[in-house]
């Protein structure tokens, strides 16, 4: 028998669009959303000088 599992929907919010320090990003995200995980993602710039933003991924409110 296979039980049906409903996956929790994930939401995202950009916390800092202009720069990202991973430790600060993770801390800010977990402070704002207990289920949140902060990560630095590339947001533009040039191939030699990319820019990064802090993206917070968390469980959406039900």
PDB file of N, CA and C in Angstrom:
ATOM      1  N   UNK A   1       0.850  -1.193   0.000  1.00  0.00           N
ATOM      2  CA  UNK A   1       0.000   0.000   0.000  1.00  0.00           C
ATOM      3  C   UNK A   1       0.890   1.249   0.000  1.00  0.00           C
ATOM      4  N   UNK A   2       0.572   2.190  -0.854  1.00  0.00           N
ATOM      5  CA  UNK A   2       1.331   3.428  -0.943  1.00  0.00           C
ATOM      6  C   UNK A   2       0.475   4.551  -0.382  1.00  0.00           C
ATOM      7  N   UNK A   3       1.021   5.262   0.594  1.00  0.00           N
ATOM      8  CA  UNK A   3       0.256   6.369   1.171  1.00  0.00           C
ATOM      9  C   UNK A   3       0.546   7.650   0.393  1.00  0.00           C
ATOM     10  N   UNK A   4      -0.471   8.486   0.301  1.00  0.00           N
ATOM     11  CA  UNK A   4      -0.326   9.753  -0.409  1.00  0.00           C
ATOM     12  C   UNK A   4       0.267  10.782   0.554  1.00  0.00           C
ATOM     13  N   UNK A   5       1.291  11.460   0.119  1.00  0.00           N
ATOM     14  CA  UNK A   5       1.941  12.482   0.936  1.00  0.00           C
ATOM     15  C   UNK A   5       1.806  13.811   0.216  1.00  0.00           C
ATOM     16  N   UNK A   6       1.301  14.800   0.928  1.00  0.00           N
ATOM     17  CA  UNK A   6       1.206  16.125   0.335  1.00  0.00           C
ATOM     18  C   UNK A   6       2.448  16.908   0.706  1.00  0.00           C
ATOM     19  N   UNK A   7       3.155  17.378  -0.285  1.00  0.00           N
ATOM     20  CA  UNK A   7       4.370  18.141  -0.040  1.00  0.00           C
ATOM     21  C   UNK A   7       4.006  19.558   0.394  1.00  0.00           C
ATOM     22  N   UNK A   8       4.758  20.066   1.339  1.00  0.00           N
ATOM     23  CA  UNK A   8       4.582  21.447   1.780  1.00  0.00           C
ATOM     24  C   UNK A   8       5.045  22.365   0.652  1.00  0.00           C
ATOM     25  N   UNK A   9       4.233  23.343   0.331  1.00  0.00           N
ATOM     26  CA  UNK A   9       4.626  24.288  -0.709  1.00  0.00           C
ATOM     27  C   UNK A   9       5.735  25.185  -0.165  1.00  0.00           C
ATOM     28  N   UNK A  10       6.679  25.522  -1.040  1.00  0.00           N
ATOM     29  CA  UNK A  10       7.815  26.355  -0.662  1.00  0.00           C
ATOM     30  C   UNK A  10       7.638  27.746  -1.256  1.00  0.00           C
ATOM     31  N   UNK A  11       7.938  28.748  -0.463  1.00  0.00           N
ATOM     32  CA  UNK A  11       7.896  30.132  -0.913  1.00  0.00           C
ATOM     33  C   UNK A  11       9.316  30.689  -0.881  1.00  0.00           C
ATOM     34  N   UNK A  12       9.532  31.764  -1.609  1.00  0.00           N
ATOM     35  CA  UNK A  12      10.846  32.407  -1.611  1.00  0.00           C
ATOM     36  C   UNK A  12      10.681  33.908  -1.438  1.00  0.00           C
ATOM     37  N   UNK A  13      11.698  34.508  -0.862  1.00  0.00           N
ATOM     38  CA  UNK A  13      11.740  35.963  -0.720  1.00  0.00           C
ATOM     39  C   UNK A  13      13.193  36.403  -0.831  1.00  0.00           C
ATOM     40  N   UNK A  14      13.445  37.422  -1.639  1.00  0.00           N
ATOM     41  CA  UNK A  14      14.787  37.986  -1.738  1.00  0.00           C
ATOM     42  C   UNK A  14      14.954  38.937  -0.556  1.00  0.00           C
ATOM     43  N   UNK A  15      15.935  38.638   0.311  1.00  0.00           N
ATOM     44  CA  UNK A  15      16.151  39.467   1.492  1.00  0.00           C
ATOM     45  C   UNK A  15      17.151  40.583   1.230  1.00  0.00           C
ATOM     46  N   UNK A  16      18.112  40.337   0.368  1.00  0.00           N
ATOM     47  CA  UNK A  16      19.088  41.370   0.030  1.00  0.00           C
ATOM     48  C   UNK A  16      19.427  41.229  -1.451  1.00  0.00           C
ATOM     49  N   UNK A  17      18.873  42.106  -2.296  1.00  0.00           N
ATOM     50  CA  UNK A  17      19.063  41.947  -3.743  1.00  0.00           C
ATOM     51  C   UNK A  17      20.431  42.384  -4.261  1.00  0.00           C
ATOM     52  N   UNK A  18      21.240  43.059  -3.421  1.00  0.00           N
ATOM     53  CA  UNK A  18      22.482  43.626  -3.949  1.00  0.00           C
ATOM     54  C   UNK A  18      23.756  42.916  -3.502  1.00  0.00           C
ATOM     55  N   UNK A  19      23.684  42.090  -2.462  1.00  0.00           N
ATOM     56  CA  UNK A  19      24.882  41.376  -2.022  1.00  0.00           C
ATOM     57  C   UNK A  19      24.469  40.194  -1.162  1.00  0.00           C
ATOM     58  N   UNK A  20      25.433  39.297  -0.893  1.00  0.00           N
ATOM     59  CA  UNK A  20      25.111  38.131  -0.087  1.00  0.00           C
ATOM     60  C   UNK A  20      26.345  37.599   0.632  1.00  0.00           C
ATOM     61  N   UNK A  21      26.274  37.554   1.947  1.00  0.00           N
ATOM     62  CA  UNK A  21      27.234  36.834   2.772  1.00  0.00           C
ATOM     63  C   UNK A  21      26.462  35.653   3.335  1.00  0.00           C
ATOM     64  N   UNK A  22      26.903  34.438   3.039  1.00  0.00           N
ATOM     65  CA  UNK A  22      26.114  33.252   3.328  1.00  0.00           C
ATOM     66  C   UNK A  22      25.695  33.150   4.793  1.00  0.00           C
ATOM     67  N   UNK A  23      26.613  33.364   5.731  1.00  0.00           N
ATOM     68  CA  UNK A  23      26.279  33.235   7.152  1.00  0.00           C
ATOM     69  C   UNK A  23      25.198  34.237   7.553  1.00  0.00           C
ATOM     70  N   UNK A  24      25.327  35.475   7.085  1.00  0.00           N
ATOM     71  CA  UNK A  24      24.332  36.504   7.405  1.00  0.00           C
ATOM     72  C   UNK A  24      22.998  36.194   6.739  1.00  0.00           C
ATOM     73  N   UNK A  25      23.043  35.726   5.516  1.00  0.00           N
ATOM     74  CA  UNK A  25      21.828  35.390   4.772  1.00  0.00           C
ATOM     75  C   UNK A  25      21.062  34.283   5.498  1.00  0.00           C
ATOM     76  N   UNK A  26      21.761  33.216   5.892  1.00  0.00           N
ATOM     77  CA  UNK A  26      21.115  32.106   6.600  1.00  0.00           C
ATOM     78  C   UNK A  26      20.529  32.573   7.924  1.00  0.00           C
ATOM     79  N   UNK A  27      21.261  33.412   8.652  1.00  0.00           N
ATOM     80  CA  UNK A  27      20.785  33.898   9.950  1.00  0.00           C
ATOM     81  C   UNK A  27      19.528  34.754   9.782  1.00  0.00           C
ATOM     82  N   UNK A  28      19.581  35.710   8.859  1.00  0.00           N
ATOM     83  CA  UNK A  28      18.436  36.606   8.641  1.00  0.00           C
ATOM     84  C   UNK A  28      17.197  35.821   8.216  1.00  0.00           C
ATOM     85  N   UNK A  29      17.389  34.845   7.346  1.00  0.00           N
ATOM     86  CA  UNK A  29      16.273  34.040   6.853  1.00  0.00           C
ATOM     87  C   UNK A  29      15.649  33.218   7.984  1.00  0.00           C
ATOM     88  N   UNK A  30      16.481  32.573   8.793  1.00  0.00           N
ATOM     89  CA  UNK A  30      15.935  31.739   9.873  1.00  0.00           C
ATOM     90  C   UNK A  30      15.294  32.585  10.966  1.00  0.00           C
ATOM     91  N   UNK A  31      15.732  33.844  11.122  1.00  0.00           N
ATOM     92  CA  UNK A  31      15.091  34.744  12.077  1.00  0.00           C
ATOM     93  C   UNK A  31      13.699  35.143  11.586  1.00  0.00           C
ATOM     94  N   UNK A  32      13.578  35.387  10.296  1.00  0.00           N
ATOM     95  CA  UNK A  32      12.308  35.842   9.724  1.00  0.00           C
ATOM     96  C   UNK A  32      11.313  34.697   9.557  1.00  0.00           C
ATOM     97  N   UNK A  33      11.826  33.519   9.156  1.00  0.00           N
ATOM     98  CA  UNK A  33      10.981  32.345   8.923  1.00  0.00           C
ATOM     99  C   UNK A  33      11.630  31.142   9.606  1.00  0.00           C
ATOM    100  N   UNK A  34      11.017  30.592  10.667  1.00  0.00           N
ATOM    101  CA  UNK A  34      11.633  29.459  11.376  1.00  0.00           C
ATOM    102  C   UNK A  34      11.973  28.275  10.471  1.00  0.00           C
ATOM    103  N   UNK A  35      11.212  28.077   9.395  1.00  0.00           N
ATOM    104  CA  UNK A  35      11.490  26.962   8.479  1.00  0.00           C
ATOM    105  C   UNK A  35      12.421  27.385   7.344  1.00  0.00           C
ATOM    106  N   UNK A  36      12.890  28.622   7.379  1.00  0.00           N
ATOM    107  CA  UNK A  36      13.631  29.175   6.253  1.00  0.00           C
ATOM    108  C   UNK A  36      15.081  28.751   6.166  1.00  0.00           C
ATOM    109  N   UNK A  37      15.550  28.694   4.922  1.00  0.00           N
ATOM    110  CA  UNK A  37      16.955  28.411   4.628  1.00  0.00           C
ATOM    111  C   UNK A  37      17.434  29.487   3.662  1.00  0.00           C
ATOM    112  N   UNK A  38      18.433  30.248   4.081  1.00  0.00           N
ATOM    113  CA  UNK A  38      18.980  31.295   3.229  1.00  0.00           C
ATOM    114  C   UNK A  38      20.077  30.763   2.336  1.00  0.00           C
ATOM    115  N   UNK A  39      20.107  31.251   1.112  1.00  0.00           N
ATOM    116  CA  UNK A  39      21.155  30.841   0.182  1.00  0.00           C
ATOM    117  C   UNK A  39      21.521  32.003  -0.727  1.00  0.00           C
ATOM    118  N   UNK A  40      22.768  32.017  -1.164  1.00  0.00           N
ATOM    119  CA  UNK A  40      23.233  33.043  -2.092  1.00  0.00           C
ATOM    120  C   UNK A  40      23.066  32.512  -3.507  1.00  0.00           C
ATOM    121  N   UNK A  41      22.385  33.288  -4.343  1.00  0.00           N
ATOM    122  CA  UNK A  41      22.214  32.877  -5.737  1.00  0.00           C
ATOM    123  C   UNK A  41      22.716  33.993  -6.652  1.00  0.00           C
ATOM    124  N   UNK A  42      23.222  33.603  -7.805  1.00  0.00           N
ATOM    125  CA  UNK A  42      23.736  34.580  -8.758  1.00  0.00           C
ATOM    126  C   UNK A  42      22.577  35.397  -9.310  1.00  0.00           C
ATOM    127  N   UNK A  43      22.756  36.712  -9.344  1.00  0.00           N
ATOM    128  CA  UNK A  43      21.659  37.582  -9.772  1.00  0.00           C
ATOM    129  C   UNK A  43      22.042  38.501 -10.922  1.00  0.00           C
ATOM    130  N   UNK A  44      23.198  38.310 -11.490  1.00  0.00           N
ATOM    131  CA  UNK A  44      23.587  39.160 -12.609  1.00  0.00           C
ATOM    132  C   UNK A  44      25.073  39.449 -12.585  1.00  0.00           C
ATOM    133  N   UNK A  45      25.418  40.659 -12.978  1.00  0.00           N
ATOM    134  CA  UNK A  45      26.818  41.023 -13.082  1.00  0.00           C
ATOM    135  C   UNK A  45      27.387  40.526 -14.397  1.00  0.00           C
ATOM    136  N   UNK A  46      28.676  40.246 -14.396  1.00  0.00           N
ATOM    137  CA  UNK A  46      29.354  39.745 -15.588  1.00  0.00           C
ATOM    138  C   UNK A  46      29.933  38.371 -15.271  1.00  0.00           C
ATOM    139  N   UNK A  47      30.314  37.608 -16.298  1.00  0.00           N
ATOM    140  CA  UNK A  47      30.916  36.293 -16.014  1.00  0.00           C
ATOM    141  C   UNK A  47      32.146  36.388 -15.111  1.00  0.00           C
ATOM    142  N   UNK A  48      32.912  37.466 -15.236  1.00  0.00           N
ATOM    143  CA  UNK A  48      34.108  37.618 -14.402  1.00  0.00           C
ATOM    144  C   UNK A  48      33.796  38.231 -13.043  1.00  0.00           C
ATOM    145  N   UNK A  49      32.713  38.983 -12.950  1.00  0.00           N
ATOM    146  CA  UNK A  49      32.330  39.612 -11.685  1.00  0.00           C
ATOM    147  C   UNK A  49      30.837  39.447 -11.461  1.00  0.00           C
ATOM    148  N   UNK A  50      30.397  38.225 -11.119  1.00  0.00           N
ATOM    149  CA  UNK A  50      28.962  38.021 -10.889  1.00  0.00           C
ATOM    150  C   UNK A  50      28.513  38.700  -9.597  1.00  0.00           C
ATOM    151  N   UNK A  51      27.234  39.035  -9.546  1.00  0.00           N
ATOM    152  CA  UNK A  51      26.655  39.570  -8.318  1.00  0.00           C
ATOM    153  C   UNK A  51      25.703  38.524  -7.747  1.00  0.00           C
ATOM    154  N   UNK A  52      25.531  38.566  -6.434  1.00  0.00           N
ATOM    155  CA  UNK A  52      24.709  37.579  -5.747  1.00  0.00           C
ATOM    156  C   UNK A  52      23.666  38.269  -4.884  1.00  0.00           C
ATOM    157  N   UNK A  53      22.545  37.575  -4.659  1.00  0.00           N
ATOM    158  CA  UNK A  53      21.506  38.070  -3.767  1.00  0.00           C
ATOM    159  C   UNK A  53      21.194  36.994  -2.740  1.00  0.00           C
ATOM    160  N   UNK A  54      20.649  37.434  -1.595  1.00  0.00           N
ATOM    161  CA  UNK A  54      20.253  36.510  -0.531  1.00  0.00           C
ATOM    162  C   UNK A  54      18.809  36.090  -0.777  1.00  0.00           C
ATOM    163  N   UNK A  55      18.609  34.800  -1.038  1.00  0.00           N
ATOM    164  CA  UNK A  55      17.279  34.254  -1.286  1.00  0.00           C
ATOM    165  C   UNK A  55      16.885  33.368  -0.111  1.00  0.00           C
ATOM    166  N   UNK A  56      15.738  33.650   0.477  1.00  0.00           N
ATOM    167  CA  UNK A  56      15.220  32.863   1.598  1.00  0.00           C
ATOM    168  C   UNK A  56      14.128  31.931   1.070  1.00  0.00           C
ATOM    169  N   UNK A  57      14.276  30.628   1.322  1.00  0.00           N
ATOM    170  CA  UNK A  57      13.294  29.622   0.913  1.00  0.00           C
ATOM    171  C   UNK A  57      12.666  29.071   2.186  1.00  0.00           C
ATOM    172  N   UNK A  58      11.332  29.094   2.263  1.00  0.00           N
ATOM    173  CA  UNK A  58      10.640  28.689   3.488  1.00  0.00           C
ATOM    174  C   UNK A  58       9.313  28.025   3.157  1.00  0.00           C
ATOM    175  N   UNK A  59       8.726  27.362   4.143  1.00  0.00           N
ATOM    176  CA  UNK A  59       7.415  26.738   3.966  1.00  0.00           C
ATOM    177  C   UNK A  59       6.355  27.823   3.898  1.00  0.00           C
ATOM    178  N   UNK A  60       5.534  27.791   2.855  1.00  0.00           N
ATOM    179  CA  UNK A  60       4.454  28.775   2.714  1.00  0.00           C
ATOM    180  C   UNK A  60       3.434  28.590   3.838  1.00  0.00           C
ATOM    181  N   UNK A  61       2.816  29.696   4.274  1.00  0.00           N
ATOM    182  CA  UNK A  61       1.736  29.564   5.262  1.00  0.00           C
ATOM    183  C   UNK A  61       0.605  28.721   4.681  1.00  0.00           C
ATOM    184  N   UNK A  62      -0.009  27.935   5.520  1.00  0.00           N
ATOM    185  CA  UNK A  62      -1.104  27.066   5.061  1.00  0.00           C
ATOM    186  C   UNK A  62      -2.370  27.852   4.822  1.00  0.00           C
TER     187      UNK A  62
END
